[in-house]
Each structure stands twice: as C-alpha cells, then as structure tokens.
Amino acid sequence: MNTVCVRSAVLVQVISMIGLASASTSSAQLTVAPLPDLQLSKGGKVHAVVVQADGRMIVGGAFRAVNGVPRHNLARINRDGSVDSGWNPDVRGPEGASVHALALHEDAVLVGGRFDQVGGLPRLNVAKVSLAGAGGPDPDWNPGVSAELPAPEPAIVRALVVFGNEVFIGGDFDIVDGRPIRDVARLSLLGNGAADPQWSLALEGRGVWTLALGPVPFGPPVLVPAGAEAEESVTNLYVGGEFALRSTDDEDFVAGDWRHLIRVPVHAPPAPDPAWRPNPNGPVRSLAVGAGTVFAGGTFTEIDGLERLRAARLHVTEDAKGGLVDADWQLAIEPGRQEVDPEAGVAVLWLEQDRLYLGGSFEGVGSQPLRHLIRAAIRGEQLLDAAWRPQPDGPVQALARSESVWLAGGAFEQAGGATALGLARLDG
C-alpha cells in the first residue's frame, strides 16, 4: 500500500482507486493507483459512506464514474481499493440527482437522496438495495417520497436511521407512501415499506438534515439499535434541520415554539418534548448522541440563549442551573467564507468514545487555522486536538469508521498533504 506520512500525526493512505467523475464532467479518467484511498475525480462529491461487516465500503454522492468505471451516484469499494465490478445499483434521476444518506440493515443498504430510479426501476428518493449480486432494488419495498406540486425544489431524503425493523427518514418532502407526511417519517422495513400514518410532525421550513436515536438519560450510547433489548433502551428521536414547529398560529417566533432541533419520543405519538427546547438560532446539520449528551453541529451561533459557534454539547436534561448547554464545552468554529457559502459550518459529527470528530465547511477553530475536519475531546480543559490536522482543501460531508482508520468523504482534492479526490482514509 502506498502510504504517505505527513506532519501532525495524520496518516493518509492513498486509496487511489476511485476516480469519481461528476455528473457534469465529461469523460475524464484517472489512472488506477496501487491501493486504497477513494479518490473521486474533480467535480465528484461524496455525501455518505457506510462500511459493511466484511470491510467493504459503500459510497454515495453525486458522480458518474469511479476510477473510470461507470457508476451513477452509488458504488461499493473492495478492501483492496478496487471498485466492486459486479455491484452496480445505478442510481439515476434528473439533473442534480445524488445520494445523500446510507444505512445498513441486514442484507441490504437503504439509500436516500434525490433520484427517481434505481437499477432501472422507479424509486422516488428512497430505496432498499440488496448487498448481494448486482445490487438490485428490493422489488416490493417502494414507499416513494415526493414534494407537493408546485414545489420550489424537488423532494430530497437527507437522513436515515434504522430502528429495528423500521427506519426513520428525514429531508425536505411532503408526501410519503401516498400520504401527506412532511419532512420526517417512520417506515416499515418489511413488505412494501408502508409509512406509519400516525407518525407525522407539522414542520415548516427547508426540512430535516439529520436524525439521531437517543438512549435513556445517562444510559449507554446507542449507535445502531438491533434487537429488542437495544430498542427498549432507545426512548427518543432527535431531529435537526432548518425548520420551525409552531405552538400557536402566530407567524412570529414565540416562547412556546421550537426551531431547528427537537426531541420526539419513539414509543408514543410524535410530539416535541416541551422540557427539551434548545432553540438554536440557525440550522442544525448533524447530531451525535452519547451517554447523557447530545452534540449538535450546524450554522447556528447561539443555542439555549448562549453563544456557541456552530457546535455545542447539550445535556439530555436541564442542569442544576436550568440550562441545556454544557457550559464547559465550547469550540469556536469559524466558517471563513459564510458570506459566500451560507451553509458553511459543521455538516457531520462522529462520536467515538471520548473523542468527537467534526467535519464541514470551515477555515478555523478559534485561533487555530484548521480546515474542514477536526478532532476534539468531549470533556476536559483542552478540547481541540490541534496536532491532528488532515487539512482537506474542501468541505467534508461524510465520516465513517473502518477498523483502525477513518473515512472522510466530501468535495476536496487533497487531505494530509496527499491527493485524495473526494474520499480520504485517515489514521487516528
């Protein structure tokens, strides 16, 4: 394997196998390098990454080729860095088609995004794809997610969270399985993927960006619930995005309203928890839930009345002072170019034991010139790990763990001083 050791204890393995061509790029091809580190050709983007139990990784985004191998928006990469030649779900749609969310469930991968066909079959923005064979869509599972016409933008599914034999989906949509359900829905993973007709929230705005399941307060972290015991330990669904939920008919925001971040019980009819109302002043784009803690990332600058620049640690219950924000945990994420990119900020979080990884579109953290991907402690006086600096040259939109290394996906061309087009494999 061709590896490059760079300053600051970050190892970037040049998985130069993936040459991701963008949907608008012509037939440019990349030479296949010896071994693993997903490289997407210029213009291609990775929005989601998951790793199978056998170590193979599935990447979703906006691209038409991987290392010169035709792949529309979804591909599987072998452990040696080569493209899986037999697995090709072929996710397509009108201009702007892309995959934004992935979740594994048994022998399938759930796919969310903006598209209208998978494997030549009609599938509206969400699909269940087999991990076996050529990766065909489940012939029966087809709930369909769409926008109510006329709509300013097509519908999109941005988040998927598996809960036993169900999946919660989040995005910007109005209709699910033929029912009027807006922005967050609960679907069966069995049969045809029927939507729970009792599970609906009256959200207003640009929709949901992130979902996370939460354990009982101060219980063990729940990452991927599986089985009855794990399901019983989960009590809440945390919903983040760019939305408001009104408590009255008043068009202006009032004290009883919720915005951008809510908590909803999973074992009862959906209603926001009135005791948990952090109300950030801007969108929440990523969540990570641990024992007694919720980390939120986004473009906000204030949450629960306190200044928090695009990242915050929240208590699952109010502290002794009646607040939800952890007063001792604070990182100042500086976007650098928010006047150009209004969505600059934190786009993805990954909680790993006592460390939190934060990716997004930003140019600094406090006085440190750290770009787009950082690592921080979840407690202590020194939160930011300034020695760990992969420094990708473009936004990071996806993170995944593969054994002892990290996979970071996004819209970059370099990371750790090495060429890494769209996907980098990082030590630490």
Protein backbone atom coordinates (compact mmCIF):
# COMPACT_ATOMS: atom_id res chain seq x y z
CA MET A 1 0.00 0.00 0.00
CA ASN A 2 1.32 3.39 -0.92
CA THR A 3 1.21 5.46 2.26
CA VAL A 4 2.35 8.96 2.97
CA CYS A 5 3.22 10.08 6.47
CA VAL A 6 2.52 13.76 6.89
CA ARG A 7 3.05 16.28 9.66
CA SER A 8 0.82 16.26 12.70
CA ALA A 9 0.37 12.52 13.13
CA VAL A 10 -2.20 12.09 10.38
CA LEU A 11 -1.68 9.19 8.01
CA VAL A 12 -3.34 9.49 4.63
CA GLN A 13 -3.37 6.21 2.74
CA VAL A 14 -3.67 6.95 -0.91
CA ILE A 15 -6.58 4.68 -1.77
CA SER A 16 -6.20 5.99 -5.22
CA MET A 17 -8.74 3.82 -6.71
CA ILE A 18 -11.70 5.94 -7.01
CA GLY A 19 -11.79 8.43 -9.74
CA LEU A 20 -15.17 9.95 -9.27
CA ALA A 21 -16.40 11.83 -12.27
CA SER A 22 -19.02 14.43 -11.60
CA ALA A 23 -22.37 14.40 -13.30
CA SER A 24 -21.33 17.47 -15.23
CA THR A 25 -17.83 16.26 -16.05
CA SER A 26 -17.00 14.78 -19.43
CA SER A 27 -15.19 11.51 -19.96
CA ALA A 28 -12.06 12.40 -17.97
CA GLN A 29 -10.47 9.28 -16.47
CA LEU A 30 -7.92 8.70 -13.75
CA THR A 31 -5.15 6.16 -13.65
CA VAL A 32 -5.86 3.45 -11.09
CA ALA A 33 -3.24 3.68 -8.36
CA PRO A 34 -1.87 0.68 -6.46
CA LEU A 35 -4.20 0.65 -3.47
CA PRO A 36 -6.83 2.08 -1.19
CA ASP A 37 -7.95 5.60 -0.80
CA LEU A 38 -11.05 6.63 -2.52
CA GLN A 39 -10.24 9.32 -4.99
CA LEU A 40 -13.13 10.92 -6.73
CA SER A 41 -12.28 12.78 -9.88
CA LYS A 42 -12.66 16.54 -9.96
CA GLY A 43 -16.26 17.61 -9.65
CA GLY A 44 -17.46 14.42 -7.96
CA LYS A 45 -18.72 14.59 -4.37
CA VAL A 46 -19.25 12.05 -1.60
CA HIS A 47 -22.19 12.76 0.71
CA ALA A 48 -22.43 9.43 2.57
CA VAL A 49 -20.23 6.45 3.48
CA VAL A 50 -21.01 3.18 5.27
CA VAL A 51 -18.75 0.20 5.94
CA GLN A 52 -20.02 -3.38 5.72
CA ALA A 53 -19.05 -6.02 8.28
CA ASP A 54 -16.64 -7.54 5.74
CA GLY A 55 -14.76 -4.24 5.40
CA ARG A 56 -16.09 -3.24 2.00
CA MET A 57 -17.33 0.33 1.85
CA ILE A 58 -20.32 1.84 0.09
CA VAL A 59 -20.11 5.46 -1.02
CA GLY A 60 -22.95 7.66 -2.18
CA GLY A 61 -22.87 11.11 -3.67
CA ALA A 62 -23.00 12.93 -6.99
CA PHE A 63 -20.82 11.24 -9.62
CA ARG A 64 -20.92 9.23 -12.84
CA ALA A 65 -17.74 7.19 -12.66
CA VAL A 66 -15.33 5.76 -10.11
CA ASN A 67 -11.79 5.29 -11.39
CA GLY A 68 -13.10 5.25 -14.89
CA VAL A 69 -15.68 2.56 -14.04
CA PRO A 70 -19.22 3.82 -14.78
CA ARG A 71 -21.12 4.23 -11.52
CA HIS A 72 -24.05 6.59 -11.05
CA ASN A 73 -24.07 8.09 -7.56
CA LEU A 74 -23.56 4.82 -5.65
CA ALA A 75 -20.61 2.40 -5.62
CA ARG A 76 -19.02 -0.30 -3.50
CA ILE A 77 -15.28 -0.41 -2.90
CA ASN A 78 -13.41 -3.61 -2.07
CA ARG A 79 -10.90 -3.79 0.78
CA ASP A 80 -8.02 -3.54 -1.69
CA GLY A 81 -9.38 -0.27 -3.04
CA SER A 82 -10.80 -1.60 -6.30
CA VAL A 83 -14.33 -0.92 -7.46
CA ASP A 84 -16.70 -3.87 -6.96
CA SER A 85 -17.25 -4.79 -10.60
CA GLY A 86 -20.41 -6.80 -10.03
CA TRP A 87 -22.37 -4.47 -7.73
CA ASN A 88 -23.98 -1.59 -9.58
CA PRO A 89 -27.36 -0.30 -8.30
CA ASP A 90 -27.21 2.55 -10.85
CA VAL A 91 -28.99 5.41 -9.06
CA ARG A 92 -30.26 7.97 -11.55
CA GLY A 93 -32.58 10.90 -11.91
CA PRO A 94 -32.95 14.32 -13.48
CA GLU A 95 -30.14 16.86 -13.41
CA GLY A 96 -28.83 17.13 -9.85
CA ALA A 97 -29.55 13.50 -8.95
CA SER A 98 -27.48 12.38 -5.95
CA VAL A 99 -27.30 10.10 -2.91
CA HIS A 100 -27.23 11.86 0.46
CA ALA A 101 -27.86 9.16 3.06
CA LEU A 102 -27.00 5.48 3.57
CA ALA A 103 -27.87 2.98 6.32
CA LEU A 104 -27.20 -0.75 6.53
CA HIS A 105 -29.93 -3.20 7.51
CA GLU A 106 -29.29 -6.94 7.44
CA ASP A 107 -28.55 -7.90 3.82
CA ALA A 108 -29.48 -4.52 2.33
CA VAL A 109 -28.42 -0.89 2.25
CA LEU A 110 -31.02 1.85 2.50
CA VAL A 111 -30.42 4.74 0.13
CA GLY A 112 -31.81 8.25 0.43
CA GLY A 113 -31.29 11.29 -1.73
CA ARG A 114 -32.72 12.94 -4.83
CA PHE A 115 -33.38 10.41 -7.62
CA ASP A 116 -36.21 8.71 -9.48
CA GLN A 117 -34.84 5.30 -10.46
CA VAL A 118 -32.59 2.56 -9.11
CA GLY A 119 -31.49 -0.38 -11.21
CA GLY A 120 -33.86 0.74 -13.96
CA LEU A 121 -36.89 0.58 -11.64
CA PRO A 122 -38.82 3.67 -10.49
CA ARG A 123 -37.83 4.68 -6.98
CA LEU A 124 -38.59 8.15 -5.63
CA ASN A 125 -35.78 9.42 -3.39
CA VAL A 126 -35.55 6.36 -1.14
CA ALA A 127 -34.76 2.72 -1.92
CA LYS A 128 -33.72 -0.57 -0.34
CA VAL A 129 -30.84 -2.15 -2.27
CA SER A 130 -29.53 -5.69 -1.93
CA LEU A 131 -25.92 -6.16 -0.85
CA ALA A 132 -25.79 -9.36 -2.86
CA GLY A 133 -25.36 -9.89 -6.58
CA ALA A 134 -25.67 -6.83 -8.80
CA GLY A 135 -27.23 -4.71 -6.04
CA GLY A 136 -30.77 -4.59 -7.36
CA PRO A 137 -33.54 -2.71 -5.53
CA ASP A 138 -35.99 -4.67 -3.41
CA PRO A 139 -38.86 -5.31 -5.88
CA ASP A 140 -41.53 -4.79 -3.21
CA TRP A 141 -40.13 -2.06 -0.96
CA ASN A 142 -41.16 1.19 -2.60
CA PRO A 143 -42.75 3.82 -0.32
CA GLY A 144 -41.90 6.78 -2.58
CA VAL A 145 -41.06 10.24 -1.24
CA SER A 146 -42.13 13.33 -3.16
CA ALA A 147 -42.94 17.02 -2.98
CA GLU A 148 -46.37 18.55 -3.26
CA LEU A 149 -46.52 20.35 -6.59
CA PRO A 150 -45.82 23.07 -7.40
CA ALA A 151 -42.68 22.95 -5.23
CA PRO A 152 -39.73 25.36 -5.27
CA GLU A 153 -37.31 22.39 -5.19
CA PRO A 154 -37.64 18.63 -5.78
CA ALA A 155 -38.03 16.40 -2.73
CA ILE A 156 -34.90 15.01 -1.05
CA VAL A 157 -34.11 12.47 1.69
CA ARG A 158 -31.07 13.60 3.69
CA ALA A 159 -31.11 11.30 6.73
CA LEU A 160 -31.83 7.62 7.52
CA VAL A 161 -31.81 5.96 10.94
CA VAL A 162 -32.64 2.27 11.33
CA PHE A 163 -34.69 1.26 14.38
CA GLY A 164 -35.28 -2.49 14.49
CA ASN A 165 -37.45 -3.34 11.50
CA GLU A 166 -38.28 0.30 10.86
CA VAL A 167 -36.42 3.29 9.51
CA PHE A 168 -36.86 6.98 10.25
CA ILE A 169 -36.25 9.21 7.25
CA GLY A 170 -35.68 12.95 7.23
CA GLY A 171 -35.45 15.51 4.46
CA ASP A 172 -37.48 18.05 2.56
CA PHE A 173 -40.69 16.40 1.33
CA ASP A 174 -44.48 16.50 1.62
CA ILE A 175 -45.73 13.05 0.60
CA VAL A 176 -44.58 9.58 1.72
CA ASP A 177 -46.20 6.34 0.60
CA GLY A 178 -49.04 8.39 -0.86
CA ARG A 179 -49.76 10.07 2.48
CA PRO A 180 -49.34 13.75 3.45
CA ILE A 181 -46.29 13.44 5.72
CA ARG A 182 -43.80 16.28 5.89
CA ASP A 183 -40.00 16.19 6.35
CA VAL A 184 -39.75 13.25 8.80
CA ALA A 185 -41.45 9.87 8.54
CA ARG A 186 -41.39 6.36 10.00
CA LEU A 187 -41.35 3.47 7.53
CA SER A 188 -41.54 -0.28 7.89
CA LEU A 189 -38.55 -2.17 6.52
CA LEU A 190 -40.80 -5.12 5.76
CA GLY A 191 -43.14 -5.63 2.82
CA ASN A 192 -43.66 -2.57 0.66
CA GLY A 193 -42.23 -0.08 3.17
CA ALA A 194 -45.52 1.31 4.47
CA ALA A 195 -45.42 4.63 6.29
CA ASP A 196 -46.80 4.85 9.83
CA PRO A 197 -49.88 7.07 9.30
CA GLN A 198 -49.83 8.19 12.95
CA TRP A 199 -46.25 9.42 12.79
CA SER A 200 -46.10 12.96 11.43
CA LEU A 201 -44.82 16.36 12.53
CA ALA A 202 -46.07 19.70 11.24
CA LEU A 203 -42.69 21.22 10.41
CA GLU A 204 -42.23 24.43 8.43
CA GLY A 205 -39.09 25.46 6.56
CA ARG A 206 -36.40 23.76 4.46
CA GLY A 207 -36.78 20.45 6.24
CA VAL A 208 -34.73 17.95 8.21
CA TRP A 209 -30.97 17.48 7.78
CA THR A 210 -30.08 14.97 10.49
CA LEU A 211 -31.62 12.34 12.77
CA ALA A 212 -30.22 10.50 15.79
CA LEU A 213 -31.67 7.97 18.20
CA GLY A 214 -31.14 8.63 21.88
CA PRO A 215 -30.91 6.31 24.87
CA VAL A 216 -32.49 6.89 28.24
CA PRO A 217 -30.72 9.71 30.10
CA PHE A 218 -27.22 8.68 31.20
CA GLY A 219 -27.61 5.24 29.66
CA PRO A 220 -25.13 3.63 27.27
CA PRO A 221 -24.64 5.22 23.85
CA VAL A 222 -26.84 3.74 21.14
CA LEU A 223 -25.28 3.77 17.68
CA VAL A 224 -27.21 1.20 15.64
CA PRO A 225 -30.13 -0.36 17.55
CA ALA A 226 -30.57 -4.07 16.89
CA GLY A 227 -32.83 -6.43 18.77
CA ALA A 228 -35.47 -5.96 21.41
CA GLU A 229 -33.07 -5.03 24.24
CA ALA A 230 -31.46 -2.22 22.27
CA GLU A 231 -34.80 -0.95 21.04
CA GLU A 232 -36.14 -0.75 24.59
CA SER A 233 -33.15 1.37 25.64
CA VAL A 234 -33.99 3.97 22.99
CA THR A 235 -36.62 6.47 24.01
CA ASN A 236 -36.17 9.46 21.72
CA LEU A 237 -35.53 10.56 18.18
CA TYR A 238 -33.52 13.79 17.91
CA VAL A 239 -34.40 15.81 14.81
CA GLY A 240 -32.21 18.59 13.46
CA GLY A 241 -32.62 20.81 10.44
CA GLU A 242 -33.85 24.13 9.21
CA PHE A 243 -37.42 24.31 10.44
CA ALA A 244 -39.89 25.67 12.92
CA LEU A 245 -42.72 23.96 14.75
CA ARG A 246 -45.39 26.34 15.93
CA SER A 247 -47.23 26.10 19.23
CA THR A 248 -49.71 28.79 18.11
CA ASP A 249 -50.98 30.28 14.88
CA ASP A 250 -48.73 33.32 15.37
CA GLU A 251 -46.40 33.70 12.37
CA ASP A 252 -43.64 35.19 14.54
CA PHE A 253 -41.45 33.02 16.75
CA VAL A 254 -42.81 32.90 20.30
CA ALA A 255 -41.65 31.31 23.55
CA GLY A 256 -43.71 28.19 23.07
CA ASP A 257 -42.28 27.37 19.64
CA TRP A 258 -39.48 25.03 18.62
CA ARG A 259 -36.91 25.68 15.91
CA HIS A 260 -34.14 23.70 14.21
CA LEU A 261 -33.76 21.00 16.92
CA ILE A 262 -36.37 18.91 18.71
CA ARG A 263 -36.67 15.65 20.63
CA VAL A 264 -39.54 13.29 19.91
CA PRO A 265 -40.48 10.06 21.76
CA VAL A 266 -40.30 6.91 19.65
CA HIS A 267 -42.78 4.88 21.70
CA ALA A 268 -45.63 7.40 21.62
CA PRO A 269 -47.43 9.62 19.12
CA PRO A 270 -44.87 12.14 17.84
CA ALA A 271 -44.80 15.43 19.70
CA PRO A 272 -41.79 17.56 20.62
CA ASP A 273 -40.64 17.23 24.22
CA PRO A 274 -41.64 20.50 25.93
CA ALA A 275 -38.90 20.01 28.55
CA TRP A 276 -36.14 19.96 25.90
CA ARG A 277 -36.17 23.15 23.86
CA PRO A 278 -32.63 24.32 22.98
CA ASN A 279 -33.84 26.52 20.08
CA PRO A 280 -30.61 27.25 18.17
CA ASN A 281 -30.73 30.43 16.10
CA GLY A 282 -29.68 28.66 12.90
CA PRO A 283 -29.89 25.28 11.17
CA VAL A 284 -28.63 22.04 12.75
CA ARG A 285 -26.97 19.77 10.17
CA SER A 286 -25.55 16.95 12.27
CA LEU A 287 -26.13 15.21 15.60
CA ALA A 288 -24.24 12.68 17.71
CA VAL A 289 -25.77 11.15 20.84
CA GLY A 290 -23.83 9.69 23.77
CA ALA A 291 -24.46 8.90 27.42
CA GLY A 292 -26.46 11.83 28.77
CA THR A 293 -25.19 14.05 25.96
CA VAL A 294 -26.22 15.35 22.55
CA PHE A 295 -23.67 17.05 20.30
CA ALA A 296 -25.07 19.37 17.65
CA GLY A 297 -23.32 20.90 14.66
CA GLY A 298 -24.57 23.33 12.06
CA THR A 299 -24.54 27.00 11.13
CA PHE A 300 -26.01 28.39 14.37
CA THR A 301 -24.17 30.89 16.58
CA GLU A 302 -26.42 30.70 19.63
CA ILE A 303 -28.27 27.89 21.38
CA ASP A 304 -30.38 27.93 24.55
CA GLY A 305 -29.51 31.61 24.85
CA LEU A 306 -25.73 31.07 24.94
CA GLU A 307 -23.15 31.80 22.25
CA ARG A 308 -21.97 28.60 20.61
CA LEU A 309 -20.29 28.96 17.23
CA ARG A 310 -21.59 26.10 15.05
CA ALA A 311 -21.02 23.30 17.58
CA ALA A 312 -22.46 22.62 21.03
CA ARG A 313 -22.72 19.95 23.68
CA LEU A 314 -26.19 19.64 25.20
CA HIS A 315 -27.47 17.85 28.27
CA VAL A 316 -30.38 15.47 27.79
CA THR A 317 -31.96 17.02 30.90
CA GLU A 318 -31.53 20.51 32.33
CA ASP A 319 -28.53 21.03 34.60
CA ALA A 320 -28.69 22.46 38.12
CA LYS A 321 -28.89 25.97 36.67
CA GLY A 322 -31.81 25.06 34.42
CA GLY A 323 -29.80 25.10 31.21
CA LEU A 324 -29.35 22.56 28.43
CA VAL A 325 -25.94 23.72 27.12
CA ASP A 326 -22.75 22.32 28.66
CA ALA A 327 -21.05 25.48 29.92
CA ASP A 328 -17.58 23.89 29.90
CA TRP A 329 -17.58 22.62 26.29
CA GLN A 330 -17.03 25.28 23.65
CA LEU A 331 -15.34 25.31 20.24
CA ALA A 332 -15.36 28.43 18.07
CA ILE A 333 -15.83 27.09 14.54
CA GLU A 334 -15.07 29.88 12.08
CA PRO A 335 -16.51 29.44 8.57
CA GLY A 336 -14.18 31.90 6.91
CA ARG A 337 -16.43 32.34 3.90
CA GLN A 338 -20.00 32.27 5.15
CA GLU A 339 -20.72 35.39 3.12
CA VAL A 340 -20.06 33.20 0.05
CA ASP A 341 -21.42 29.92 1.40
CA PRO A 342 -24.40 30.47 3.73
CA GLU A 343 -24.29 26.77 4.65
CA ALA A 344 -20.69 26.98 5.94
CA GLY A 345 -20.32 25.35 9.33
CA VAL A 346 -20.39 21.81 10.74
CA ALA A 347 -22.02 19.23 8.47
CA VAL A 348 -21.12 15.89 10.07
CA LEU A 349 -20.28 14.59 13.56
CA TRP A 350 -18.96 11.23 14.73
CA LEU A 351 -18.69 10.36 18.42
CA GLU A 352 -16.05 7.74 19.23
CA GLN A 353 -15.67 7.02 22.95
CA ASP A 354 -14.12 10.20 24.42
CA ARG A 355 -13.48 11.92 21.08
CA LEU A 356 -15.69 13.86 18.72
CA TYR A 357 -14.85 14.26 15.04
CA LEU A 358 -16.32 17.30 13.29
CA GLY A 359 -16.40 17.82 9.53
CA GLY A 360 -17.87 20.54 7.39
CA SER A 361 -17.03 23.76 5.60
CA PHE A 362 -14.89 25.93 7.87
CA GLU A 363 -11.49 27.60 7.90
CA GLY A 364 -10.52 27.81 11.55
CA VAL A 365 -11.21 26.88 15.17
CA GLY A 366 -10.53 29.75 17.50
CA SER A 367 -7.00 30.93 16.70
CA GLN A 368 -6.05 27.64 15.01
CA PRO A 369 -6.09 27.58 11.15
CA LEU A 370 -7.72 24.14 10.94
CA ARG A 371 -9.84 23.41 7.88
CA HIS A 372 -12.91 21.28 7.31
CA LEU A 373 -12.09 18.35 9.66
CA ILE A 374 -11.04 18.37 13.32
CA ARG A 375 -10.89 16.15 16.38
CA ALA A 376 -11.87 17.25 19.88
CA ALA A 377 -12.19 15.78 23.35
CA ILE A 378 -15.68 15.55 24.78
CA ARG A 379 -14.54 16.82 28.18
CA GLY A 380 -11.55 18.45 29.84
CA GLU A 381 -9.77 21.79 29.72
CA GLN A 382 -8.06 21.21 26.37
CA LEU A 383 -10.79 20.23 23.92
CA LEU A 384 -9.26 20.78 20.48
CA ASP A 385 -6.61 18.33 19.28
CA ALA A 386 -4.52 20.81 17.30
CA ALA A 387 -1.90 18.16 16.42
CA TRP A 388 -4.40 16.14 14.37
CA ARG A 389 -4.77 18.14 11.18
CA PRO A 390 -5.65 16.35 7.95
CA GLN A 391 -6.46 19.77 6.44
CA PRO A 392 -8.59 18.74 3.44
CA ASP A 393 -8.81 21.56 0.90
CA GLY A 394 -12.60 21.36 0.58
CA PRO A 395 -15.69 20.59 2.66
CA VAL A 396 -16.12 17.25 4.49
CA GLN A 397 -19.67 15.89 4.37
CA ALA A 398 -19.37 12.26 5.50
CA LEU A 399 -17.44 10.25 8.09
CA ALA A 400 -17.22 6.52 8.76
CA ARG A 401 -15.05 4.19 10.81
CA SER A 402 -13.29 1.24 9.18
CA GLU A 403 -11.31 -0.81 11.68
CA SER A 404 -8.44 1.45 12.84
CA VAL A 405 -8.85 4.18 10.22
CA TRP A 406 -11.31 6.89 9.32
CA LEU A 407 -13.01 7.53 6.02
CA ALA A 408 -13.82 11.14 5.22
CA GLY A 409 -15.91 11.99 2.17
CA GLY A 410 -16.75 15.31 0.64
CA ALA A 411 -15.78 17.81 -2.04
CA PHE A 412 -12.00 18.01 -1.70
CA GLU A 413 -8.94 17.13 -3.77
CA GLN A 414 -6.27 16.84 -1.07
CA ALA A 415 -6.05 15.74 2.56
CA GLY A 416 -2.99 15.40 4.77
CA GLY A 417 -0.80 16.76 2.02
CA ALA A 418 -1.69 13.90 -0.36
CA THR A 419 -4.02 13.70 -3.31
CA ALA A 420 -7.39 12.39 -2.14
CA LEU A 421 -10.18 13.26 -4.54
CA GLY A 422 -13.43 13.17 -2.62
CA LEU A 423 -12.54 10.40 -0.17
CA ALA A 424 -9.59 10.07 2.19
CA ARG A 425 -8.57 7.32 4.56
CA LEU A 426 -7.07 8.82 7.73
CA ASP A 427 -5.19 7.39 10.67
CA GLY A 428 -6.38 8.32 14.16
